[in-house]
């Protein structure tokens, strides 16, 4: 065990320089994104010169470019450098809010003091681009840092039981979070020397001071079964600068939870965002704001794909399926046809002749080699998910939302518990969802239920925007689809 402890100590020492490299990478990415937004804003302002008769010389951009250099200070004050442990949605929220407020400050400064010094048109367009480009560039910078091994800090998990194993598994599955599980400590001697989720259990919690002295700064206290006095004592005595407590609240939402001091008693305020009327209004407004132009832009593509389908397989290019919608109401969901007209008969014969395929179907309700799919157009539409484009009409009708749990067939829903089905019925089904951008066809029933539950309980407009951005990436890369 001493050898493993020394090895972990070396990993801690090696990673001590990584935060500086991570901050430098994020800082460089943000500055490049901001200056690129300025160039895009200027180009857009010049391209729309018929609306803006006054010319803006390139020299005028110099002072704006210098002003943009202060933005990383705002990001740093918002805890984004490096921001280990922040969920992606929270990162996006902080980045957008700081960017928006700083641009408003620049515009106010120009209007109050400079008047004709800067172009408000250039500033306005630059802000519009920056609100999108800066979060995307930051996400790309983190991905690059992860691949270079320069992202994240080592974390020791206190408690090697089921809760600790779950924490380790989730942290390893999400390296962008920046918390890299390194080892366990547990007071149960039977666990010393074994490995949990591929990580060693070094010994008892008495080793915590030694790890802290070697430079380890983060610990996750995952002992929800311990009594209150034991937890309070550990929180007081643990020498780590950052201790994350995992309470015995599995299944409860994890985003938009705030601590409250109830006259000396610790309370957790859980904001149920989807029960707030204005949030439902903003979500519906987003559906129309993005859904209408997307629907109009999709019409030429729908016509092209419809002709392609009819060329490959005679019959209608579109079809509707009855699905369970909001409050259990039956809705007709439209899709481009990607299968043969006798698809169900083909599927029944194929599953009867292939036991392995039957097992795959019963677990995922999808097949990698699906005999029902049309050659060429069918595979293309399914891999890109463009067969779902007609559902933009369902969104405009108010039967669906751009983001939400996907409307499954009834035979699929019957595999879930009634409690989960009741939770799904409480929101509009979505054109895309967290499952589609996280696991997609690779996620079984358990994964589908976990991700849909997480989305509904943790909903926010920021989460919707994140999922929409991820959807574009997934469609372009065709990740996880078949």
Protein backbone atom coordinates (compact mmCIF):
# COMPACT_ATOMS: atom_id res chain seq x y z
CA UNK A 1 0.00 0.00 0.00
CA UNK A 2 2.91 2.34 0.64
CA UNK A 3 4.05 1.84 -2.97
CA UNK A 4 0.61 2.84 -4.26
CA UNK A 5 0.52 5.85 -1.96
CA UNK A 6 3.91 6.97 -3.26
CA UNK A 7 2.74 6.51 -6.85
CA UNK A 8 -0.33 8.63 -6.17
CA UNK A 9 1.85 11.26 -4.50
CA UNK A 10 3.96 11.45 -7.66
CA UNK A 11 0.82 11.87 -9.76
CA UNK A 12 -0.23 14.71 -7.48
CA UNK A 13 3.15 16.39 -7.85
CA UNK A 14 3.10 16.02 -11.64
CA UNK A 15 -0.38 17.49 -11.83
CA UNK A 16 0.50 20.48 -9.62
CA UNK A 17 1.59 22.44 -12.71
CA UNK A 18 -1.48 21.48 -14.71
CA UNK A 19 -3.84 24.15 -13.35
CA UNK A 20 -1.51 26.83 -14.70
CA UNK A 21 -1.42 25.14 -18.11
CA UNK A 22 -5.21 24.69 -18.03
CA UNK A 23 -5.77 28.36 -17.16
CA UNK A 24 -3.37 29.43 -19.91
CA UNK A 25 -5.19 27.24 -22.44
CA UNK A 26 -8.61 28.56 -21.45
CA UNK A 27 -7.36 32.16 -21.41
CA UNK A 28 -5.86 31.81 -24.89
CA UNK A 29 -9.06 30.20 -26.19
CA UNK A 30 -11.26 32.96 -24.77
CA UNK A 31 -9.06 35.75 -26.16
CA UNK A 32 -8.96 34.18 -29.63
CA UNK A 33 -12.74 33.70 -29.54
CA UNK A 34 -13.35 37.30 -28.49
CA UNK A 35 -11.08 38.78 -31.16
CA UNK A 36 -12.58 36.44 -33.79
CA UNK A 37 -16.02 37.66 -32.73
CA UNK A 38 -14.85 41.23 -33.24
CA UNK A 39 -13.68 40.46 -36.79
CA UNK A 40 -16.97 38.68 -37.53
CA UNK A 41 -18.91 41.61 -36.07
CA UNK A 42 -16.98 44.08 -38.21
CA UNK A 43 -17.43 41.94 -41.35
CA UNK A 44 -21.18 41.68 -40.71
CA UNK A 45 -21.43 45.44 -40.15
CA UNK A 46 -19.63 46.08 -43.45
CA UNK A 47 -21.72 43.47 -45.31
CA UNK A 48 -24.87 45.29 -44.17
CA UNK A 49 -23.46 48.64 -45.24
CA UNK A 50 -26.72 49.57 -47.00
CA UNK A 51 -28.30 49.80 -43.53
CA UNK A 52 -25.28 51.55 -41.99
CA UNK A 53 -24.14 54.35 -44.33
CA UNK A 54 -21.32 55.54 -42.03
CA UNK A 55 -18.02 53.81 -42.70
CA UNK A 56 -16.03 52.27 -39.84
CA UNK A 57 -12.27 52.27 -40.49
CA UNK A 58 -10.24 49.27 -39.40
CA UNK A 59 -8.23 51.52 -37.09
CA UNK A 60 -11.36 51.97 -34.98
CA UNK A 61 -11.21 48.28 -34.04
CA UNK A 62 -7.92 48.67 -32.21
CA UNK A 63 -9.40 50.20 -29.06
CA UNK A 64 -12.27 47.68 -29.04
CA UNK A 65 -9.77 44.83 -29.40
CA UNK A 66 -7.87 46.19 -26.40
CA UNK A 67 -11.09 46.55 -24.39
CA UNK A 68 -11.88 42.87 -25.02
CA UNK A 69 -8.69 41.95 -23.17
CA UNK A 70 -10.43 42.72 -19.86
CA UNK A 71 -13.09 40.06 -20.41
CA UNK A 72 -10.97 37.17 -19.03
CA UNK A 73 -10.84 39.08 -15.73
CA UNK A 74 -14.62 38.76 -15.57
CA UNK A 75 -14.44 35.07 -16.40
CA UNK A 76 -11.86 34.59 -13.66
CA UNK A 77 -14.06 36.38 -11.10
CA UNK A 78 -16.90 34.05 -12.15
CA UNK A 79 -14.74 31.06 -11.20
CA UNK A 80 -14.17 29.81 -14.75
CA UNK A 81 -10.35 29.59 -14.55
CA UNK A 82 -10.02 26.65 -14.42
CA UNK A 83 -13.43 25.97 -12.86
CA UNK A 84 -12.91 22.32 -11.96
CA UNK A 85 -16.10 20.68 -10.76
CA UNK A 86 -18.47 23.00 -12.65
CA UNK A 87 -21.09 21.22 -14.74
CA UNK A 88 -21.07 22.10 -18.43
CA UNK A 89 -24.46 23.80 -18.22
CA UNK A 90 -23.31 25.97 -15.31
CA UNK A 91 -20.14 26.89 -17.23
CA UNK A 92 -22.21 28.00 -20.22
CA UNK A 93 -24.54 30.02 -17.98
CA UNK A 94 -21.69 31.88 -16.29
CA UNK A 95 -19.83 32.49 -19.55
CA UNK A 96 -22.87 33.88 -21.34
CA UNK A 97 -23.92 36.06 -18.41
CA UNK A 98 -20.44 37.57 -17.91
CA UNK A 99 -19.99 38.12 -21.66
CA UNK A 100 -23.39 39.80 -21.95
CA UNK A 101 -22.84 42.09 -18.95
CA UNK A 102 -19.36 43.15 -20.05
CA UNK A 103 -20.57 43.99 -23.56
CA UNK A 104 -23.40 46.04 -22.07
CA UNK A 105 -20.78 47.87 -20.03
CA UNK A 106 -18.72 48.58 -23.18
CA UNK A 107 -21.78 49.81 -25.06
CA UNK A 108 -22.78 52.05 -22.12
CA UNK A 109 -19.23 53.40 -21.89
CA UNK A 110 -19.22 54.20 -25.61
CA UNK A 111 -22.60 55.92 -25.43
CA UNK A 112 -21.86 57.95 -22.29
CA UNK A 113 -18.26 58.98 -22.85
CA UNK A 114 -17.04 58.27 -26.38
CA UNK A 115 -20.14 58.94 -28.47
CA UNK A 116 -18.58 58.56 -31.93
CA UNK A 117 -15.41 56.81 -30.75
CA UNK A 118 -16.64 53.26 -31.36
CA UNK A 119 -19.26 51.77 -33.64
CA UNK A 120 -22.24 50.55 -31.67
CA UNK A 121 -23.19 48.42 -34.66
CA UNK A 122 -19.85 46.62 -34.55
CA UNK A 123 -20.17 46.21 -30.77
CA UNK A 124 -23.70 44.81 -31.10
CA UNK A 125 -22.76 42.29 -33.78
CA UNK A 126 -19.59 41.36 -31.89
CA UNK A 127 -21.64 40.69 -28.76
CA UNK A 128 -24.02 38.45 -30.72
CA UNK A 129 -21.15 36.39 -32.08
CA UNK A 130 -19.28 36.29 -28.75
CA UNK A 131 -22.31 34.88 -26.90
CA UNK A 132 -22.00 31.82 -29.13
CA UNK A 133 -18.33 31.66 -30.13
CA UNK A 134 -16.80 32.11 -26.65
CA UNK A 135 -18.66 29.16 -25.00
CA UNK A 136 -17.93 26.96 -28.03
CA UNK A 137 -14.24 27.90 -28.02
CA UNK A 138 -14.04 27.24 -24.26
CA UNK A 139 -15.59 23.81 -24.75
CA UNK A 140 -13.11 23.05 -27.53
CA UNK A 141 -10.19 24.23 -25.37
CA UNK A 142 -11.26 21.91 -22.54
CA UNK A 143 -11.54 18.96 -24.94
CA UNK A 144 -8.02 19.66 -26.24
CA UNK A 145 -6.66 19.95 -22.70
CA UNK A 146 -8.32 16.65 -21.77
CA UNK A 147 -6.69 14.91 -24.75
CA UNK A 148 -3.31 16.42 -23.86
CA UNK A 149 -3.62 15.19 -20.27
CA UNK A 150 -3.43 18.75 -19.00
CA UNK A 151 -6.93 19.03 -17.57
CA UNK A 152 -8.22 18.13 -14.15
CA UNK A 153 -7.03 17.66 -10.58
CA UNK A 154 -6.63 14.39 -8.64
CA UNK A 155 -9.38 13.59 -6.16
CA UNK A 156 -9.45 11.11 -3.30
CA UNK A 157 -12.81 9.53 -2.52
CA UNK A 158 -13.57 8.93 1.15
CA UNK A 159 -15.76 5.86 1.33
CA UNK A 160 -15.32 2.80 -0.92
CA UNK A 161 -18.91 1.60 -0.73
CA UNK A 162 -21.61 1.77 -3.40
CA UNK A 163 -21.84 5.56 -3.20
CA UNK A 164 -18.09 6.00 -3.56
CA UNK A 165 -18.00 3.57 -6.48
CA UNK A 166 -20.81 5.48 -8.19
CA UNK A 167 -18.96 8.78 -7.72
CA UNK A 168 -15.75 7.31 -9.16
CA UNK A 169 -17.58 5.82 -12.13
CA UNK A 170 -19.37 9.07 -12.94
CA UNK A 171 -16.24 11.20 -12.58
CA UNK A 172 -14.25 8.89 -14.85
CA UNK A 173 -17.05 9.01 -17.43
CA UNK A 174 -17.00 12.84 -17.46
CA UNK A 175 -13.36 13.96 -17.72
CA UNK A 176 -14.40 17.49 -18.77
CA UNK A 177 -15.65 18.02 -15.20
CA UNK A 178 -11.99 18.08 -14.22
CA UNK A 179 -12.17 15.92 -11.08
CA UNK A 180 -9.99 12.85 -11.66
CA UNK A 181 -10.58 10.09 -9.07
CA UNK A 182 -7.23 8.73 -7.91
CA UNK A 183 -7.78 6.54 -4.87
CA UNK A 184 -10.16 5.58 -2.06
CA UNK A 185 -9.86 5.78 1.70
CA UNK A 186 -12.17 3.66 3.85
CA UNK A 187 -12.23 2.67 7.52
CA UNK A 188 -13.27 -0.92 6.70
CA UNK A 189 -10.07 -3.08 6.89
CA UNK A 190 -11.65 -5.67 4.60
CA UNK A 191 -11.46 -3.19 1.73
CA UNK A 192 -7.82 -2.19 2.19
CA UNK A 193 -5.64 -3.30 -0.68
CA UNK A 194 -8.47 -4.06 -3.11
CA UNK A 195 -9.48 -2.01 -6.12
CA UNK A 196 -12.86 -0.36 -6.63
CA UNK A 197 -13.68 0.88 -10.15
CA UNK A 198 -10.02 0.32 -11.01
CA UNK A 199 -8.78 2.54 -8.16
CA UNK A 200 -6.87 1.36 -5.06
CA UNK A 201 -8.27 1.53 -1.54
CA UNK A 202 -5.16 2.82 0.24
CA UNK A 203 -6.32 2.40 3.82
CA UNK A 204 -8.26 4.20 6.53
CA UNK A 205 -9.29 7.84 6.62
CA UNK A 206 -6.33 8.43 8.95
CA UNK A 207 -4.19 8.64 5.78
CA UNK A 208 -6.00 11.81 4.68
CA UNK A 209 -3.53 14.25 6.33
CA UNK A 210 -0.61 12.52 4.58
CA UNK A 211 -2.27 12.87 1.16
CA UNK A 212 -3.12 16.51 1.88
CA UNK A 213 0.51 17.22 2.82
CA UNK A 214 1.62 15.72 -0.50
CA UNK A 215 -0.46 18.30 -2.36
CA UNK A 216 -3.87 16.63 -2.84
CA UNK A 217 -6.48 19.39 -2.57
CA UNK A 218 -9.79 17.76 -3.46
CA UNK A 219 -11.71 15.08 -1.57
CA UNK A 220 -15.19 13.68 -2.07
CA UNK A 221 -16.88 12.48 1.12
CA UNK A 222 -19.15 9.68 -0.12
CA UNK A 223 -20.35 8.08 3.12
CA UNK A 224 -24.11 8.75 3.15
CA UNK A 225 -24.65 5.87 5.60
CA UNK A 226 -22.51 7.45 8.31
CA UNK A 227 -24.26 9.19 11.19
CA UNK A 228 -24.51 12.96 11.40
CA UNK A 229 -21.90 13.33 14.15
CA UNK A 230 -19.37 11.32 12.13
CA UNK A 231 -19.96 13.45 9.01
CA UNK A 232 -19.70 16.71 10.98
CA UNK A 233 -16.45 15.54 12.60
CA UNK A 234 -14.92 14.56 9.22
CA UNK A 235 -15.90 17.86 7.62
CA UNK A 236 -14.21 19.69 10.49
CA UNK A 237 -11.06 17.59 10.64
CA UNK A 238 -10.32 16.81 6.97
CA UNK A 239 -7.28 18.88 5.87
CA UNK A 240 -8.23 19.26 2.21
CA UNK A 241 -8.98 22.79 0.91
CA UNK A 242 -11.92 21.44 -1.12
CA UNK A 243 -14.27 18.81 0.32
CA UNK A 244 -17.37 17.80 -1.62
CA UNK A 245 -20.06 16.13 0.49
CA UNK A 246 -22.30 13.53 -1.18
CA UNK A 247 -25.53 13.43 0.88
CA UNK A 248 -27.95 10.53 1.05
CA UNK A 249 -30.21 12.10 -1.59
CA UNK A 250 -29.78 9.88 -4.64
CA UNK A 251 -32.49 10.46 -7.21
CA UNK A 252 -32.97 14.09 -6.21
CA UNK A 253 -32.11 16.77 -8.76
CA UNK A 254 -28.53 18.06 -8.67
CA UNK A 255 -28.65 21.27 -10.73
CA UNK A 256 -30.18 24.52 -9.41
CA UNK A 257 -29.88 23.44 -5.77
CA UNK A 258 -28.77 26.17 -3.36
CA UNK A 259 -27.70 26.01 0.27
CA UNK A 260 -29.73 27.97 2.81
CA UNK A 261 -28.83 28.90 6.38
CA UNK A 262 -32.00 28.28 8.39
CA UNK A 263 -30.88 29.98 11.62
CA UNK A 264 -27.90 27.64 11.99
CA UNK A 265 -29.49 24.65 10.27
CA UNK A 266 -28.21 23.68 6.82
CA UNK A 267 -30.98 23.60 4.24
CA UNK A 268 -31.03 22.80 0.53
CA UNK A 269 -33.41 24.79 -1.64
CA UNK A 270 -34.51 22.77 -4.67
CA UNK A 271 -35.87 24.94 -7.47
CA UNK A 272 -38.41 23.05 -9.59
CA UNK A 273 -37.97 25.15 -12.68
CA UNK A 274 -40.64 23.50 -14.82
CA UNK A 275 -43.32 24.40 -12.25
CA UNK A 276 -42.60 28.12 -12.65
CA UNK A 277 -44.97 29.70 -15.17
CA UNK A 278 -42.45 32.10 -16.71
CA UNK A 279 -40.01 29.25 -17.33
CA UNK A 280 -42.66 27.35 -19.29
CA UNK A 281 -43.34 30.54 -21.25
CA UNK A 282 -39.63 31.03 -22.08
CA UNK A 283 -39.28 27.38 -23.09
CA UNK A 284 -42.26 27.68 -25.42
CA UNK A 285 -40.94 31.00 -26.77
CA UNK A 286 -37.63 29.28 -27.58
CA UNK A 287 -39.56 26.57 -29.45
CA UNK A 288 -41.17 29.17 -31.74
CA UNK A 289 -38.12 31.44 -31.98
CA UNK A 290 -35.94 28.59 -33.27
CA UNK A 291 -38.59 26.17 -34.51
CA UNK A 292 -40.23 28.42 -37.12
CA UNK A 293 -37.05 29.40 -39.03
CA UNK A 294 -35.76 25.82 -38.76
CA UNK A 295 -39.02 24.49 -40.19
CA UNK A 296 -38.95 26.93 -43.11
CA UNK A 297 -35.27 26.16 -43.79
CA UNK A 298 -36.01 22.40 -43.72
CA UNK A 299 -38.68 22.48 -46.46
CA UNK A 300 -36.25 22.13 -49.43
CA UNK A 301 -34.47 19.26 -47.69
CA UNK A 302 -37.77 17.54 -46.92
CA UNK A 303 -38.74 17.75 -50.59
CA UNK A 304 -35.36 16.30 -51.68
CA UNK A 305 -35.48 13.43 -49.19
CA UNK A 306 -39.11 12.67 -50.08
CA UNK A 307 -38.19 12.27 -53.76
CA UNK A 308 -35.20 10.08 -52.83
CA UNK A 309 -37.38 7.82 -50.65
CA UNK A 310 -40.03 7.39 -53.34
CA UNK A 311 -37.32 6.52 -55.85
CA UNK A 312 -35.94 3.75 -53.61
CA UNK A 313 -39.26 2.41 -52.33
CA UNK A 314 -42.73 3.13 -53.77
CA UNK A 315 -45.20 4.48 -51.26
CA UNK A 316 -45.65 7.57 -49.08
CA UNK A 317 -42.50 9.48 -48.09
CA UNK A 318 -43.96 10.60 -44.75
CA UNK A 319 -45.76 8.66 -42.06
CA UNK A 320 -47.20 9.36 -38.63
CA UNK A 321 -46.91 7.30 -35.47
CA UNK A 322 -49.16 7.55 -32.44
CA UNK A 323 -47.16 8.35 -29.33
CA UNK A 324 -47.88 9.35 -25.76
CA UNK A 325 -47.57 13.10 -25.26
CA UNK A 326 -48.05 15.67 -22.52
CA UNK A 327 -50.41 14.54 -19.73
CA UNK A 328 -50.80 11.17 -21.49
CA UNK A 329 -52.57 12.57 -24.54
CA UNK A 330 -52.07 10.68 -27.81
CA UNK A 331 -50.25 12.67 -30.49
CA UNK A 332 -49.35 11.86 -34.11
CA UNK A 333 -45.59 12.24 -34.56
CA UNK A 334 -44.42 12.79 -38.15
CA UNK A 335 -41.28 11.30 -39.67
CA UNK A 336 -39.67 10.68 -43.04
CA UNK A 337 -40.08 7.01 -43.98
CA UNK A 338 -36.80 5.13 -43.61
CA UNK A 339 -38.20 1.56 -43.74
CA UNK A 340 -39.91 -0.78 -46.13
CA UNK A 341 -43.74 -0.79 -46.06
CA UNK A 342 -43.69 -4.36 -44.65
CA UNK A 343 -41.15 -3.43 -41.97
CA UNK A 344 -42.85 -5.23 -39.08
CA UNK A 345 -43.07 -8.52 -40.94
CA UNK A 346 -39.40 -8.25 -41.91
CA UNK A 347 -38.47 -7.56 -38.29
CA UNK A 348 -40.46 -10.52 -36.95
CA UNK A 349 -38.81 -12.92 -39.40
CA UNK A 350 -35.34 -11.54 -38.66
CA UNK A 351 -35.70 -11.78 -34.87
CA UNK A 352 -37.08 -15.32 -35.14
CA UNK A 353 -34.06 -16.40 -37.18
CA UNK A 354 -31.41 -14.52 -35.13
CA UNK A 355 -31.40 -15.04 -31.32
CA UNK A 356 -28.52 -12.56 -30.86
CA UNK A 357 -30.48 -9.89 -32.70
CA UNK A 358 -33.52 -10.62 -30.52
CA UNK A 359 -31.43 -10.07 -27.36
CA UNK A 360 -30.11 -6.79 -28.82
CA UNK A 361 -33.66 -5.68 -29.65
CA UNK A 362 -35.00 -6.50 -26.18
CA UNK A 363 -32.24 -4.45 -24.56
CA UNK A 364 -32.04 -1.39 -26.84
CA UNK A 365 -35.18 -1.59 -29.03
CA UNK A 366 -32.78 -0.88 -31.92
CA UNK A 367 -30.64 -3.02 -34.22
CA UNK A 368 -27.28 -2.15 -35.74
CA UNK A 369 -28.13 -4.32 -38.76
CA UNK A 370 -31.82 -3.55 -39.16
CA UNK A 371 -33.44 -5.46 -42.06
CA UNK A 372 -36.30 -2.95 -42.21
CA UNK A 373 -34.18 0.07 -43.19
CA UNK A 374 -34.19 1.30 -46.80
CA UNK A 375 -30.78 1.09 -48.51
CA UNK A 376 -28.98 4.39 -48.97
CA UNK A 377 -31.52 7.01 -47.98
CA UNK A 378 -32.84 5.08 -44.97
CA UNK A 379 -29.41 4.56 -43.41
CA UNK A 380 -28.39 8.16 -44.14
CA UNK A 381 -31.51 9.66 -42.57
CA UNK A 382 -31.28 7.47 -39.48
CA UNK A 383 -27.55 8.05 -38.92
CA UNK A 384 -28.01 11.82 -39.18
CA UNK A 385 -31.44 11.80 -37.43
CA UNK A 386 -32.78 13.92 -40.29
CA UNK A 387 -35.78 11.60 -40.51
CA UNK A 388 -37.04 13.55 -37.45
CA UNK A 389 -37.20 16.87 -39.34
CA UNK A 390 -40.99 16.72 -39.95
CA UNK A 391 -41.46 16.83 -36.18
CA UNK A 392 -40.70 20.53 -36.34
CA UNK A 393 -44.35 20.74 -37.40
CA UNK A 394 -45.32 18.98 -34.16
CA UNK A 395 -43.25 21.57 -32.28
CA UNK A 396 -45.05 24.48 -33.97
CA UNK A 397 -48.42 22.85 -33.20
CA UNK A 398 -47.52 22.75 -29.51
CA UNK A 399 -47.56 18.94 -29.30
CA UNK A 400 -43.79 18.71 -28.82
CA UNK A 401 -40.88 20.87 -27.70
CA UNK A 402 -37.48 21.25 -29.33
CA UNK A 403 -35.93 19.60 -26.25
CA UNK A 404 -37.49 16.98 -24.01
CA UNK A 405 -37.76 13.23 -23.51
CA UNK A 406 -38.26 11.50 -26.85
CA UNK A 407 -41.81 10.20 -27.55
CA UNK A 408 -41.27 6.44 -27.41
CA UNK A 409 -43.65 3.84 -28.90
CA UNK A 410 -46.02 2.23 -26.40
CA UNK A 411 -44.19 -1.12 -26.52
CA UNK A 412 -41.05 0.78 -25.48
CA UNK A 413 -42.80 2.69 -22.69
CA UNK A 414 -44.24 -0.52 -21.25
CA UNK A 415 -40.72 -1.58 -20.27
CA UNK A 416 -40.47 1.37 -17.84
CA UNK A 417 -41.99 1.73 -14.39
CA UNK A 418 -45.27 3.59 -13.98
CA UNK A 419 -43.52 6.19 -11.81
CA UNK A 420 -41.08 7.03 -14.61
CA UNK A 421 -43.86 7.12 -17.21
CA UNK A 422 -45.79 9.53 -15.00
CA UNK A 423 -42.69 11.74 -14.77
CA UNK A 424 -42.31 11.74 -18.57
CA UNK A 425 -45.96 12.71 -19.05
CA UNK A 426 -45.40 15.85 -16.95
CA UNK A 427 -43.48 17.56 -19.80
CA UNK A 428 -43.80 17.90 -23.56
CA UNK A 429 -41.89 15.25 -25.52
CA UNK A 430 -38.92 16.61 -27.44
CA UNK A 431 -37.46 16.61 -30.92
CA UNK A 432 -34.10 16.00 -29.25
CA UNK A 433 -33.12 15.23 -25.68
CA UNK A 434 -30.32 14.55 -23.23
CA UNK A 435 -30.35 10.84 -24.06
CA UNK A 436 -29.85 11.57 -27.77
CA UNK A 437 -26.78 13.77 -27.22
CA UNK A 438 -25.24 11.67 -24.43
CA UNK A 439 -25.78 7.99 -25.20
CA UNK A 440 -28.10 7.85 -28.21
CA UNK A 441 -28.35 4.32 -29.64
CA UNK A 442 -25.65 3.12 -27.23
CA UNK A 443 -27.87 3.63 -24.17
CA UNK A 444 -30.09 0.83 -22.89
CA UNK A 445 -33.36 1.21 -20.98
CA UNK A 446 -31.61 1.97 -17.69
CA UNK A 447 -29.51 4.72 -19.29
CA UNK A 448 -32.55 6.16 -21.05
CA UNK A 449 -34.49 6.35 -17.79
CA UNK A 450 -31.56 7.90 -15.89
CA UNK A 451 -30.91 10.61 -18.50
CA UNK A 452 -34.58 11.52 -19.05
CA UNK A 453 -35.11 11.70 -15.28
CA UNK A 454 -32.06 13.94 -14.92
CA UNK A 455 -33.32 16.27 -17.65
CA UNK A 456 -36.82 16.67 -16.24
CA UNK A 457 -35.66 17.23 -12.67
CA UNK A 458 -32.80 19.57 -13.59
CA UNK A 459 -34.42 21.52 -16.45
CA UNK A 460 -33.38 25.05 -17.26
CA UNK A 461 -33.20 27.17 -20.40
CA UNK A 462 -29.41 26.79 -20.21
CA UNK A 463 -29.74 23.01 -20.26
CA UNK A 464 -31.99 23.25 -23.34
CA UNK A 465 -29.47 25.48 -25.13
CA UNK A 466 -26.66 23.09 -24.23
CA UNK A 467 -28.60 20.09 -25.58
CA UNK A 468 -29.46 21.94 -28.81
CA UNK A 469 -25.78 22.80 -29.34
CA UNK A 470 -24.78 19.21 -28.59
CA UNK A 471 -27.43 17.98 -31.03
CA UNK A 472 -25.78 19.86 -33.89
CA UNK A 473 -22.44 18.28 -32.98
CA UNK A 474 -23.91 14.76 -32.69
CA UNK A 475 -25.72 15.06 -36.03
CA UNK A 476 -22.57 16.29 -37.78
CA UNK A 477 -20.39 13.54 -36.29
CA UNK A 478 -23.15 10.88 -36.44
CA UNK A 479 -22.02 9.72 -33.02
CA UNK A 480 -23.84 6.73 -31.58
CA UNK A 481 -26.46 6.46 -34.33
CA UNK A 482 -27.42 3.53 -36.52
